[in-house]
N, C-alpha and C. Protein backbone atom coordinates (compact mmCIF):
# COMPACT_ATOMS: atom_id res chain seq x y z
N PRO A 1 11.02 216.89 278.84
CA PRO A 1 9.91 215.99 278.53
C PRO A 1 9.42 214.99 279.46
N GLU A 2 10.01 214.59 280.10
CA GLU A 2 9.93 213.70 281.35
C GLU A 2 9.16 214.09 282.37
N PHE A 3 9.48 215.37 282.56
CA PHE A 3 8.92 216.04 284.06
C PHE A 3 7.24 216.48 283.61
N PHE A 4 6.88 216.37 282.27
CA PHE A 4 5.29 216.67 281.87
C PHE A 4 4.65 215.25 282.15
N GLU A 5 3.21 215.44 282.59
CA GLU A 5 2.31 214.15 282.60
C GLU A 5 1.06 214.48 281.93
N LYS A 6 0.30 215.37 282.24
CA LYS A 6 -0.84 215.56 281.68
C LYS A 6 -1.21 216.94 281.25
N PRO A 7 -1.72 217.40 280.20
CA PRO A 7 -2.32 218.75 279.58
C PRO A 7 -3.59 218.90 279.87
N TYR A 8 -3.84 220.36 280.36
CA TYR A 8 -5.31 220.88 280.56
C TYR A 8 -5.68 222.04 280.10
N PHE A 9 -6.68 222.57 279.52
CA PHE A 9 -6.94 223.69 279.12
C PHE A 9 -6.87 225.04 279.98
N VAL A 10 -6.82 225.94 279.98
CA VAL A 10 -6.94 226.95 281.32
C VAL A 10 -7.73 228.23 280.70
N VAL A 11 -8.84 228.73 280.83
CA VAL A 11 -9.47 229.75 280.77
C VAL A 11 -10.13 230.55 281.59
N PRO A 12 -10.36 231.77 281.38
CA PRO A 12 -10.73 232.84 282.62
C PRO A 12 -11.95 232.17 283.06
N GLU A 13 -12.11 232.72 284.61
CA GLU A 13 -13.71 231.98 285.25
C GLU A 13 -14.46 232.73 284.57
N ASN A 14 -14.47 234.10 284.18
CA ASN A 14 -15.59 234.76 283.90
C ASN A 14 -14.91 235.92 283.37
N ASP A 15 -16.18 236.86 282.49
CA ASP A 15 -15.80 237.99 281.73
C ASP A 15 -14.63 238.84 282.57
N ALA A 16 -15.41 239.35 283.85
CA ALA A 16 -14.52 240.51 284.65
C ALA A 16 -13.14 239.76 285.07
N GLN A 17 -12.66 238.47 284.65
CA GLN A 17 -11.33 238.28 284.84
C GLN A 17 -10.48 237.83 283.60
N THR A 18 -11.02 238.23 282.29
CA THR A 18 -10.41 238.43 281.17
C THR A 18 -9.38 238.91 281.01
N GLU A 19 -9.62 240.50 281.53
CA GLU A 19 -8.39 241.34 281.27
C GLU A 19 -7.04 240.74 282.01
N ALA A 20 -7.43 240.54 283.28
CA ALA A 20 -6.10 240.10 284.23
C ALA A 20 -5.59 238.76 283.60
N PHE A 21 -6.21 237.68 283.09
CA PHE A 21 -6.01 236.73 282.65
C PHE A 21 -4.94 236.88 281.24
N LEU A 22 -5.56 237.63 280.32
CA LEU A 22 -4.88 237.88 279.21
C LEU A 22 -3.56 238.63 279.39
N THR A 23 -3.44 239.70 280.26
CA THR A 23 -2.45 240.25 280.37
C THR A 23 -1.25 239.34 281.31
N VAL A 24 -1.78 238.43 282.01
CA VAL A 24 -0.55 237.39 282.70
C VAL A 24 -0.09 236.46 281.07
N ARG A 25 -1.03 236.18 280.24
CA ARG A 25 -0.86 235.30 279.53
C ARG A 25 0.26 236.01 278.40
N LYS A 26 -0.31 237.37 277.92
CA LYS A 26 0.82 238.38 277.21
C LYS A 26 2.22 238.46 277.81
N ALA A 27 2.21 238.59 279.06
CA ALA A 27 3.34 238.72 279.76
C ALA A 27 4.37 237.41 279.70
N LEU A 28 3.72 236.44 279.80
CA LEU A 28 4.73 235.12 279.89
C LEU A 28 4.96 234.95 278.51
N GLN A 29 4.13 235.34 277.22
CA GLN A 29 4.42 235.21 276.00
C GLN A 29 5.58 235.86 275.62
N ASP A 30 5.65 237.31 276.03
CA ASP A 30 6.59 238.01 275.50
C ASP A 30 8.14 237.72 276.33
N THR A 31 7.74 237.34 277.44
CA THR A 31 9.00 237.24 278.20
C THR A 31 9.53 235.57 278.01
N GLY A 32 9.00 234.80 277.19
CA GLY A 32 9.40 233.38 277.09
C GLY A 32 9.37 232.74 277.96
N LYS A 33 8.61 232.87 278.97
CA LYS A 33 8.85 232.13 280.58
C LYS A 33 7.56 231.48 280.81
N VAL A 34 7.75 230.20 281.72
CA VAL A 34 6.80 229.54 281.96
C VAL A 34 6.60 229.68 283.58
N ALA A 35 5.08 229.73 283.99
CA ALA A 35 4.80 229.75 285.30
C ALA A 35 4.73 228.58 285.93
N LEU A 36 5.52 228.27 287.06
CA LEU A 36 5.29 227.01 287.76
C LEU A 36 4.17 227.60 289.13
N SER A 37 3.78 226.67 289.69
CA SER A 37 2.67 226.90 290.58
C SER A 37 2.03 225.57 291.23
N LYS A 38 1.13 225.59 291.82
CA LYS A 38 0.65 223.85 292.73
C LYS A 38 -0.84 224.02 292.79
N ILE A 39 -1.56 223.00 292.38
CA ILE A 39 -2.82 223.00 292.60
C ILE A 39 -3.15 221.76 293.01
N ALA A 40 -4.38 221.49 294.00
CA ALA A 40 -4.83 220.58 294.91
C ALA A 40 -5.87 219.76 294.18
N PHE A 41 -5.94 218.66 294.06
CA PHE A 41 -7.15 217.88 293.30
C PHE A 41 -6.86 216.51 293.43
N GLY A 42 -8.01 215.45 293.71
CA GLY A 42 -7.64 214.18 294.18
C GLY A 42 -6.74 213.53 295.15
N GLY A 43 -7.04 214.60 296.38
CA GLY A 43 -6.36 214.28 297.46
C GLY A 43 -4.99 214.26 297.61
N ARG A 44 -4.37 214.96 296.64
CA ARG A 44 -3.14 215.31 296.59
C ARG A 44 -2.62 216.63 295.94
N GLU A 45 -1.36 217.20 295.99
CA GLU A 45 -1.33 218.77 295.62
C GLU A 45 0.00 218.15 294.59
N HIS A 46 -0.44 218.99 293.42
CA HIS A 46 0.39 218.85 292.40
C HIS A 46 1.02 219.88 291.80
N LEU A 47 2.30 219.56 291.15
CA LEU A 47 3.31 220.51 290.46
C LEU A 47 2.62 221.26 289.15
N VAL A 48 2.31 222.10 288.77
CA VAL A 48 1.81 222.34 287.50
C VAL A 48 2.60 223.65 286.92
N ALA A 49 2.67 223.53 285.46
CA ALA A 49 3.42 224.44 284.45
C ALA A 49 2.42 225.27 283.62
N LEU A 50 2.13 226.58 283.80
CA LEU A 50 1.28 227.35 283.04
C LEU A 50 1.92 227.94 281.91
N MET A 51 1.66 228.17 280.75
CA MET A 51 2.20 228.61 279.50
C MET A 51 1.07 228.80 278.61
N PRO A 52 1.40 230.15 277.61
CA PRO A 52 0.19 230.27 276.69
C PRO A 52 -0.03 229.28 275.65
N ALA A 53 -0.88 229.08 275.15
CA ALA A 53 -1.21 228.16 274.18
C ALA A 53 -0.97 228.53 272.80
N GLY A 54 -0.48 227.63 271.94
CA GLY A 54 -0.36 227.97 270.51
C GLY A 54 1.35 228.05 270.52
N PRO A 55 2.14 228.14 269.54
CA PRO A 55 3.55 228.69 268.96
C PRO A 55 3.70 230.26 269.41
N LYS A 56 5.13 230.30 269.81
CA LYS A 56 5.47 231.56 270.19
C LYS A 56 5.58 232.36 268.97
N GLY A 57 4.88 233.60 269.30
CA GLY A 57 5.11 234.51 268.24
C GLY A 57 3.40 234.88 267.43
N ARG A 58 2.41 233.72 267.75
CA ARG A 58 1.46 233.87 267.11
C ARG A 58 0.53 234.87 267.30
N SER A 59 -0.10 235.72 267.00
CA SER A 59 -0.81 237.03 267.28
C SER A 59 -1.97 236.21 268.40
N ASP A 60 -2.75 237.04 269.04
CA ASP A 60 -3.60 236.35 270.03
C ASP A 60 -5.09 236.66 269.08
N SER A 61 -6.11 235.59 269.31
CA SER A 61 -6.96 235.64 268.84
C SER A 61 -7.71 234.77 269.57
N ALA A 62 -9.42 234.67 269.03
CA ALA A 62 -10.43 234.08 269.74
C ALA A 62 -9.94 232.45 270.06
N GLU A 63 -9.24 231.89 268.95
CA GLU A 63 -9.11 230.63 268.66
C GLU A 63 -7.96 230.21 269.66
N HIS A 64 -6.89 231.36 269.72
CA HIS A 64 -5.33 230.75 270.24
C HIS A 64 -5.29 232.06 271.35
N GLY A 65 -6.53 232.22 272.31
CA GLY A 65 -6.07 233.21 273.60
C GLY A 65 -6.11 232.63 274.75
N GLY A 66 -5.79 231.26 274.78
CA GLY A 66 -5.78 230.52 276.20
C GLY A 66 -4.66 230.35 276.43
N MET A 67 -4.57 229.40 277.61
CA MET A 67 -3.33 228.88 278.01
C MET A 67 -3.11 227.59 278.45
N MET A 68 -2.24 226.83 278.65
CA MET A 68 -2.05 225.37 278.98
C MET A 68 -1.66 224.92 280.34
N ALA A 69 -2.34 224.32 280.97
CA ALA A 69 -1.93 223.78 282.21
C ALA A 69 -0.98 222.43 282.34
N TYR A 70 0.50 222.21 282.49
CA TYR A 70 0.76 220.82 282.11
C TYR A 70 1.24 220.32 283.90
N ILE A 71 0.41 219.28 284.30
CA ILE A 71 0.70 218.48 285.49
C ILE A 71 2.16 218.01 285.21
N MET A 72 2.88 218.25 286.23
CA MET A 72 4.42 217.75 286.31
C MET A 72 4.37 216.71 287.34
N ARG A 73 5.67 215.84 287.20
CA ARG A 73 5.95 214.94 288.19
C ARG A 73 6.91 215.60 288.88
N TYR A 74 7.13 214.96 290.02
CA TYR A 74 8.04 215.45 290.94
C TYR A 74 9.30 214.77 290.73
N SER A 75 10.57 215.43 290.85
CA SER A 75 11.83 214.85 290.97
C SER A 75 11.88 213.38 291.17
N ALA A 76 11.55 213.56 292.60
CA ALA A 76 11.57 212.34 293.28
C ALA A 76 10.79 210.99 292.45
N GLU A 77 9.99 211.16 291.55
CA GLU A 77 9.22 210.31 290.78
C GLU A 77 9.94 209.84 290.02
N LEU A 78 11.06 210.35 289.23
CA LEU A 78 12.08 209.68 288.26
C LEU A 78 13.06 209.15 288.35
N ARG A 79 13.42 208.07 287.93
CA ARG A 79 14.42 207.28 288.21
C ARG A 79 15.89 207.84 287.51
N GLU A 80 16.78 207.68 288.43
CA GLU A 80 18.17 208.09 287.55
C GLU A 80 18.68 207.38 286.38
N PRO A 81 18.87 208.26 285.31
CA PRO A 81 19.01 207.61 283.99
C PRO A 81 20.28 206.74 283.83
N ALA A 82 21.24 207.22 284.93
CA ALA A 82 22.66 206.56 284.75
C ALA A 82 22.38 205.12 285.30
N GLU A 83 21.40 204.80 286.20
CA GLU A 83 21.21 203.66 286.42
C GLU A 83 20.86 202.63 285.05
N TYR A 84 20.25 203.04 284.14
CA TYR A 84 19.92 202.10 282.98
C TYR A 84 20.88 202.26 281.86
N PHE A 85 21.70 203.32 281.87
CA PHE A 85 22.65 203.60 280.62
C PHE A 85 24.01 203.33 281.04
N ARG A 86 24.21 202.77 282.06
CA ARG A 86 25.63 203.05 282.31
C ARG A 86 26.42 201.65 281.94
N ASP A 87 25.47 200.72 281.53
CA ASP A 87 25.87 199.46 280.89
C ASP A 87 26.48 199.48 279.58
N ILE A 88 25.66 200.50 279.10
CA ILE A 88 25.98 200.73 277.52
C ILE A 88 27.52 200.48 277.02
N LYS A 89 27.96 199.61 276.32
CA LYS A 89 29.17 199.71 276.13
C LYS A 89 29.44 200.45 275.04
N HIS A 90 30.67 201.19 274.77
CA HIS A 90 31.56 202.33 273.72
C HIS A 90 31.89 201.20 272.83
N VAL A 91 31.42 201.57 271.44
CA VAL A 91 31.74 200.96 270.06
C VAL A 91 32.26 201.90 269.27
N THR A 92 33.08 201.36 268.27
CA THR A 92 33.37 202.58 267.05
C THR A 92 32.38 202.62 265.98
N LEU A 93 31.86 203.68 265.84
CA LEU A 93 30.85 204.09 264.99
C LEU A 93 31.43 204.40 263.38
N HIS A 94 31.20 203.44 262.37
CA HIS A 94 31.36 203.87 260.96
C HIS A 94 30.58 204.99 260.19
N LYS A 95 31.73 205.95 259.83
CA LYS A 95 31.07 207.16 259.02
C LYS A 95 30.00 206.66 258.17
N GLU A 96 30.37 205.64 257.11
CA GLU A 96 29.29 205.26 256.27
C GLU A 96 27.93 204.70 256.37
N SER A 97 27.95 203.93 257.90
CA SER A 97 26.75 203.84 258.65
C SER A 97 26.05 204.94 259.31
N ILE A 98 26.57 206.10 259.59
CA ILE A 98 26.06 207.21 259.90
C ILE A 98 25.58 207.94 258.79
N ASP A 99 26.09 207.88 257.98
CA ASP A 99 25.54 208.61 256.53
C ASP A 99 24.87 208.34 256.25
N LEU A 100 24.48 206.50 255.95
CA LEU A 100 23.14 206.29 255.63
C LEU A 100 22.11 206.25 256.42
N ALA A 101 22.48 206.18 257.83
CA ALA A 101 21.20 206.50 259.10
C ALA A 101 20.65 207.76 258.49
N LYS A 102 21.65 208.89 258.59
CA LYS A 102 21.25 210.37 258.28
C LYS A 102 20.27 210.31 257.07
N GLU A 103 20.82 209.68 255.58
CA GLU A 103 20.29 209.73 254.52
C GLU A 103 18.63 208.91 254.80
N LEU A 104 18.68 208.30 255.31
CA LEU A 104 17.24 207.57 255.60
C LEU A 104 16.11 208.60 256.58
N ILE A 105 16.97 208.86 257.41
CA ILE A 105 16.00 210.15 258.21
C ILE A 105 15.51 210.91 257.52
N LYS A 106 16.65 211.79 256.74
CA LYS A 106 16.25 212.67 255.58
C LYS A 106 15.20 212.35 254.78
N ARG A 107 15.25 211.21 254.32
CA ARG A 107 13.97 210.83 253.11
C ARG A 107 12.65 210.52 253.78
N ARG A 108 12.77 209.98 255.07
CA ARG A 108 11.55 209.76 255.80
C ARG A 108 11.11 210.75 256.61
N SER A 109 11.98 211.93 256.79
CA SER A 109 11.30 213.16 257.29
C SER A 109 9.83 213.62 256.92
N ALA A 110 8.99 214.07 257.85
CA ALA A 110 7.61 214.72 257.51
C ALA A 110 7.25 215.59 258.45
N LYS A 111 6.20 216.62 258.53
CA LYS A 111 5.59 217.08 259.48
C LYS A 111 4.46 216.21 260.28
N PHE A 112 5.07 216.48 261.16
CA PHE A 112 4.19 215.50 262.47
C PHE A 112 2.61 215.80 262.13
N ASN A 113 1.82 214.82 261.81
CA ASN A 113 0.41 214.72 261.95
C ASN A 113 0.05 213.74 262.78
N PRO A 114 -0.39 214.35 264.06
CA PRO A 114 -0.98 213.10 265.22
C PRO A 114 -2.48 212.62 264.56
N GLU A 115 -2.90 212.77 263.78
CA GLU A 115 -4.27 212.29 263.36
C GLU A 115 -3.74 210.72 262.75
N LYS A 116 -2.43 210.62 262.13
CA LYS A 116 -2.15 209.69 261.50
C LYS A 116 -1.91 208.32 262.59
N PHE A 117 -1.85 208.52 263.92
CA PHE A 117 -1.51 207.33 265.08
C PHE A 117 -2.48 207.04 265.69
N VAL A 118 -3.40 205.87 265.84
CA VAL A 118 -4.82 205.71 266.59
C VAL A 118 -4.01 204.49 267.58
N ASP A 119 -4.89 204.21 268.74
CA ASP A 119 -4.83 203.42 269.79
C ASP A 119 -5.47 202.23 269.22
N GLY A 120 -4.47 201.10 268.76
CA GLY A 120 -4.75 199.97 268.43
C GLY A 120 -5.78 198.98 269.42
N TYR A 121 -5.80 199.38 270.34
CA TYR A 121 -6.56 198.33 271.58
C TYR A 121 -8.00 199.06 271.35
N GLU A 122 -7.73 200.38 271.35
CA GLU A 122 -9.29 201.05 271.40
C GLU A 122 -10.03 200.86 270.04
N VAL A 123 -9.62 200.59 268.98
CA VAL A 123 -10.06 200.68 267.80
C VAL A 123 -10.42 198.75 267.76
N ALA A 124 -9.72 198.00 268.58
CA ALA A 124 -10.00 196.68 268.29
C ALA A 124 -11.56 196.34 269.43
N LEU A 125 -11.64 197.44 270.42
CA LEU A 125 -12.46 197.40 271.51
C LEU A 125 -13.98 197.82 270.93
N LYS A 126 -13.66 198.76 269.93
CA LYS A 126 -14.90 199.22 269.70
C LYS A 126 -15.08 198.02 268.63
N GLU A 127 -14.48 197.51 267.73
CA GLU A 127 -15.04 196.76 266.83
C GLU A 127 -15.65 195.74 267.49
N LEU A 128 -15.07 194.92 268.80
CA LEU A 128 -15.77 193.92 269.34
C LEU A 128 -17.26 194.17 270.06
N VAL A 129 -17.28 195.59 270.41
CA VAL A 129 -18.31 195.97 271.09
C VAL A 129 -19.89 195.76 269.79
N HIS A 130 -19.40 196.98 268.54
CA HIS A 130 -20.24 196.69 267.53
C HIS A 130 -20.44 195.37 267.33
N ALA A 131 -19.64 194.51 267.12
CA ALA A 131 -19.87 193.25 266.59
C ALA A 131 -21.02 192.29 267.57
N LYS A 132 -20.61 192.38 268.76
CA LYS A 132 -21.70 192.04 269.98
C LYS A 132 -23.20 192.81 269.62
N LEU A 133 -23.24 193.82 269.64
CA LEU A 133 -24.35 194.62 269.45
C LEU A 133 -25.03 194.40 268.28
N LYS A 134 -24.57 194.23 267.40
CA LYS A 134 -25.11 193.65 265.65
C LYS A 134 -25.41 192.28 265.49
N HIS A 135 -24.77 191.28 266.88
CA HIS A 135 -25.11 189.92 266.59
C HIS A 135 -23.90 189.48 265.28
N LEU A 136 -22.94 189.98 265.38
CA LEU A 136 -22.17 189.65 264.18
C LEU A 136 -21.17 188.72 264.54
N PRO A 137 -20.20 188.16 263.85
CA PRO A 137 -18.94 187.39 264.58
C PRO A 137 -17.94 188.12 264.96
N ILE A 138 -17.94 187.40 266.32
CA ILE A 138 -16.64 188.14 266.92
C ILE A 138 -15.42 188.16 266.02
N PRO A 139 -14.87 189.64 265.95
CA PRO A 139 -13.20 189.50 265.33
C PRO A 139 -12.37 188.57 266.17
N GLN A 140 -11.59 187.44 265.32
CA GLN A 140 -10.85 186.86 265.90
C GLN A 140 -9.18 187.37 265.82
N GLU A 141 -8.34 187.25 266.97
CA GLU A 141 -6.67 187.85 266.61
C GLU A 141 -6.36 186.97 265.78
N GLU A 142 -5.26 187.01 264.78
CA GLU A 142 -4.43 186.16 264.28
C GLU A 142 -3.57 185.82 265.14
N GLU A 143 -3.21 184.47 265.09
CA GLU A 143 -2.22 183.86 266.32
C GLU A 143 -0.68 184.32 265.87
N ALA A 144 -0.09 184.87 266.54
CA ALA A 144 1.25 184.98 266.16
C ALA A 144 2.19 183.82 266.12
N LYS A 145 2.77 184.26 264.67
CA LYS A 145 3.73 183.28 264.41
C LYS A 145 5.04 182.98 265.08
N PRO A 146 5.57 182.26 265.90
CA PRO A 146 6.72 182.28 266.35
C PRO A 146 8.02 182.69 265.11
N THR A 147 8.86 183.55 265.61
CA THR A 147 9.98 183.71 264.42
C THR A 147 11.58 183.50 265.44
N LYS A 148 12.45 183.09 264.46
CA LYS A 148 13.60 182.91 265.00
C LYS A 148 14.26 184.28 264.71
N GLY A 149 15.26 184.39 265.92
CA GLY A 149 15.84 185.87 265.77
C GLY A 149 17.12 185.79 264.62
N LYS A 150 17.23 187.09 264.01
CA LYS A 150 18.26 186.67 263.19
C LYS A 150 19.09 187.76 263.58
N VAL A 151 20.46 187.45 263.30
CA VAL A 151 21.86 188.73 263.15
C VAL A 151 21.71 189.47 262.19
N VAL A 152 21.42 190.78 262.22
CA VAL A 152 21.06 191.58 260.98
C VAL A 152 22.54 192.28 260.86
N ASN A 153 22.88 192.39 259.70
CA ASN A 153 24.19 193.62 259.79
C ASN A 153 23.50 195.08 259.31
N LEU A 154 23.69 195.88 260.17
CA LEU A 154 23.22 197.37 260.34
C LEU A 154 23.61 197.80 258.58
N MET A 155 24.72 197.83 258.12
CA MET A 155 24.78 198.64 256.83
C MET A 155 24.05 197.91 256.08
N ASP A 156 23.80 196.55 255.87
CA ASP A 156 22.89 195.85 254.85
C ASP A 156 21.57 196.59 255.04
N ALA A 157 21.27 196.44 256.19
CA ALA A 157 19.75 196.91 257.05
C ALA A 157 19.67 198.41 256.12
N LEU A 158 20.74 199.39 256.39
CA LEU A 158 20.49 200.70 256.15
C LEU A 158 20.11 200.87 254.80
N ARG A 159 21.32 199.93 253.83
CA ARG A 159 21.17 200.22 252.22
C ARG A 159 19.71 199.66 251.92
N LYS A 160 19.16 198.67 252.43
CA LYS A 160 18.12 198.09 251.94
C LYS A 160 16.79 199.34 252.38
N SER A 161 16.93 199.58 253.38
CA SER A 161 15.95 200.71 253.62
C SER A 161 16.04 201.67 252.94
N VAL A 162 16.69 202.23 252.43
CA VAL A 162 17.10 203.45 251.46
C VAL A 162 16.89 203.22 250.11
N ARG A 163 17.21 201.93 249.71
CA ARG A 163 16.75 201.59 248.17
C ARG A 163 15.31 201.88 248.24
N SER A 164 14.34 201.09 249.43
CA SER A 164 13.42 200.84 249.43
C SER A 164 12.57 202.18 249.51
N GLY A 165 13.36 203.35 250.19
CA GLY A 165 12.94 204.50 250.02
C GLY A 165 12.49 205.26 248.80
N ASP A 166 13.76 204.80 247.96
CA ASP A 166 13.81 205.47 246.16
C ASP A 166 12.55 205.07 245.81
N SER A 167 11.84 203.76 245.93
CA SER A 167 10.81 203.69 245.12
C SER A 167 9.30 203.93 245.75
N GLU A 168 9.52 204.60 247.14
CA GLU A 168 8.11 204.82 247.83
C GLU A 168 8.32 206.26 247.47
N ALA A 169 9.66 207.27 247.53
CA ALA A 169 9.40 208.58 247.69
C ALA A 169 8.42 209.45 246.69
N PRO A 170 8.45 209.06 245.05
CA PRO A 170 7.50 209.72 244.05
C PRO A 170 5.80 209.33 245.01
N ALA A 171 5.76 208.21 245.59
CA ALA A 171 4.24 208.15 245.55
C ALA A 171 3.98 209.04 246.94
N ARG A 172 4.72 209.14 247.85
CA ARG A 172 4.66 209.60 249.13
C ARG A 172 4.50 211.13 248.92
N ARG A 173 5.48 211.85 247.66
CA ARG A 173 5.41 213.15 247.63
C ARG A 173 4.00 213.70 246.61
N SER A 174 3.39 212.62 246.11
CA SER A 174 2.02 213.42 245.50
C SER A 174 0.99 213.13 246.40
N ALA A 175 1.00 212.22 247.45
CA ALA A 175 -0.27 212.14 248.60
C ALA A 175 -0.40 213.21 248.97
N LYS A 176 -1.62 213.43 249.11
CA LYS A 176 -2.43 214.84 249.92
C LYS A 176 -2.91 214.04 251.25
N SER A 177 -2.64 214.81 252.55
CA SER A 177 -3.31 214.40 253.45
C SER A 177 -4.37 215.31 253.92
N ALA A 178 -5.84 214.79 254.20
CA ALA A 178 -6.84 215.14 254.33
C ALA A 178 -7.01 216.39 255.55
N PRO A 179 -7.54 217.30 255.65
CA PRO A 179 -7.65 218.14 256.56
C PRO A 179 -8.03 217.75 257.85
N ALA A 180 -7.60 217.61 259.06
CA ALA A 180 -8.28 217.24 260.46
C ALA A 180 -9.52 217.56 260.62
N ALA A 181 -10.39 216.85 261.07
CA ALA A 181 -11.55 217.15 261.59
C ALA A 181 -11.57 218.16 262.69
N LYS A 182 -12.71 219.23 262.76
CA LYS A 182 -12.59 219.89 263.92
C LYS A 182 -12.83 219.36 265.32
N LYS A 183 -12.14 219.78 266.19
CA LYS A 183 -12.38 219.00 267.50
C LYS A 183 -13.66 220.02 268.23
N PRO A 184 -14.46 219.41 269.06
CA PRO A 184 -15.37 220.12 269.73
C PRO A 184 -15.07 220.90 270.97
N ALA A 185 -15.36 222.16 271.32
CA ALA A 185 -14.85 223.27 271.86
C ALA A 185 -14.93 222.73 273.56
N ALA A 186 -13.90 222.75 274.46
CA ALA A 186 -13.64 222.33 275.56
C ALA A 186 -14.95 222.86 276.15
N LYS A 187 -15.21 221.80 277.56
CA LYS A 187 -16.25 222.52 278.37
C LYS A 187 -15.59 223.21 279.57
N HIS A 188 -16.32 224.15 280.00
CA HIS A 188 -15.69 224.98 281.11
C HIS A 188 -15.77 223.99 282.65
N GLY A 189 -15.28 224.37 283.50
CA GLY A 189 -15.00 223.58 284.73
C GLY A 189 -13.66 222.88 284.82
N LEU A 190 -13.49 221.94 285.82
CA LEU A 190 -12.46 221.42 286.30
C LEU A 190 -12.69 219.88 285.76
N ALA A 191 -12.51 219.21 284.80
CA ALA A 191 -12.76 217.94 284.89
C ALA A 191 -11.80 216.85 284.32
N LEU A 192 -11.13 216.30 285.31
CA LEU A 192 -9.93 215.50 285.20
C LEU A 192 -10.10 213.97 284.86
N VAL A 193 -9.52 213.48 283.69
CA VAL A 193 -9.77 212.23 283.02
C VAL A 193 -8.93 211.55 283.25
N LYS A 194 -8.78 210.29 283.89
CA LYS A 194 -8.00 209.18 284.20
C LYS A 194 -8.66 208.05 283.80
N GLY A 195 -7.77 207.13 282.79
CA GLY A 195 -8.07 205.78 282.51
C GLY A 195 -9.75 205.80 281.85
N HIS A 196 -10.66 205.20 282.40
CA HIS A 196 -12.08 204.86 282.11
C HIS A 196 -13.02 205.96 282.92
N GLY A 197 -12.38 206.08 284.06
CA GLY A 197 -13.40 206.71 284.93
C GLY A 197 -13.21 208.32 285.08
N LYS A 198 -13.94 208.97 286.08
CA LYS A 198 -14.24 210.40 285.53
C LYS A 198 -14.33 210.71 287.33
N SER A 199 -13.14 212.00 287.54
CA SER A 199 -13.20 212.47 288.81
C SER A 199 -13.55 213.91 288.35
N ARG A 200 -14.51 214.86 289.46
CA ARG A 200 -14.55 216.09 288.83
C ARG A 200 -14.30 217.05 290.32
N ALA A 201 -13.72 217.92 290.26
CA ALA A 201 -13.46 219.03 291.20
C ALA A 201 -13.75 220.28 291.18
N GLU A 202 -14.01 220.90 291.84
CA GLU A 202 -14.06 222.40 291.54
C GLU A 202 -13.01 223.36 292.31
N ALA A 203 -12.36 224.05 291.44
CA ALA A 203 -10.91 224.79 292.21
C ALA A 203 -11.68 226.35 292.02
N LYS A 204 -11.21 226.74 293.46
CA LYS A 204 -11.56 227.85 294.20
C LYS A 204 -10.60 229.24 293.56
N SER A 205 -10.31 229.53 292.35
CA SER A 205 -9.20 230.21 291.84
C SER A 205 -9.98 231.47 290.75
N THR A 206 -8.99 232.17 289.92
CA THR A 206 -9.76 232.84 288.83
C THR A 206 -9.81 232.49 287.74
N THR A 207 -9.41 230.91 287.38
CA THR A 207 -9.51 230.54 286.32
C THR A 207 -9.86 229.00 286.30
N ARG A 208 -10.41 228.36 285.34
CA ARG A 208 -11.08 226.96 285.10
C ARG A 208 -10.14 226.24 284.44
N ALA A 209 -9.88 225.28 284.38
CA ALA A 209 -9.28 224.19 283.40
C ALA A 209 -9.90 222.94 283.22
N THR A 210 -10.01 222.45 282.13
CA THR A 210 -10.63 221.38 281.55
C THR A 210 -9.64 220.37 280.78
N SER A 211 -9.74 219.08 281.10
CA SER A 211 -8.71 218.21 280.74
C SER A 211 -8.54 217.95 278.99
N LYS A 212 -7.19 218.15 278.75
CA LYS A 212 -7.05 218.07 277.13
C LYS A 212 -7.70 216.66 276.52
N ARG A 213 -7.27 215.46 277.41
CA ARG A 213 -7.42 214.37 276.65
C ARG A 213 -8.97 214.06 277.01
N LYS A 214 -9.44 213.10 275.90
CA LYS A 214 -10.77 213.02 275.80
C LYS A 214 -11.03 211.58 276.47
N SER A 215 -12.22 211.58 277.14
CA SER A 215 -12.86 210.47 278.02
C SER A 215 -13.23 209.43 276.92
N ALA A 216 -13.31 208.06 277.68
CA ALA A 216 -13.62 207.10 276.81
C ALA A 216 -15.06 207.04 276.36
């Protein structure tokens, strides 16, 4: 995962290229392979991984008939993990602690729902802009209270978490999540979004890619 940087949607350049596009997509899907290539934009050359969109084995449809292009980092851009992990000292792990941790993971496990996670900074910024436009009181941050570090016993912390999970489990099982809102269709063309600014480049190829990330 550390090699992947940004995702982009990939669609055929035009109707005449659709057959070739879907042929390559189907071949990659059936063989379970990822195509590696390079693309130039923003004044430099980037490594890109091309793969069918959607889970493996899903039948082709108008909704999932495209491909994804993932801009990748070069190996030289990544630090060596051993430089940071080598100072971790070996300790003897207790079976009871591992069993409690596994039980806690089992109880807290759920299907990943990306809609539940939001950018707190973006939410606060929107609230600030809204307040200024409507001439409302500016939202104030609560001042963080200094806390003293405490030595926590792992076994006690795990037991407490498991006990708290017992009281939360019934409510969590009975709750139903609302369906995610439909996303707007991706626009054609190569639109690369970085930060709050936009840069646009035209790619001379048989495909067009649109950034999967939403602009501010």
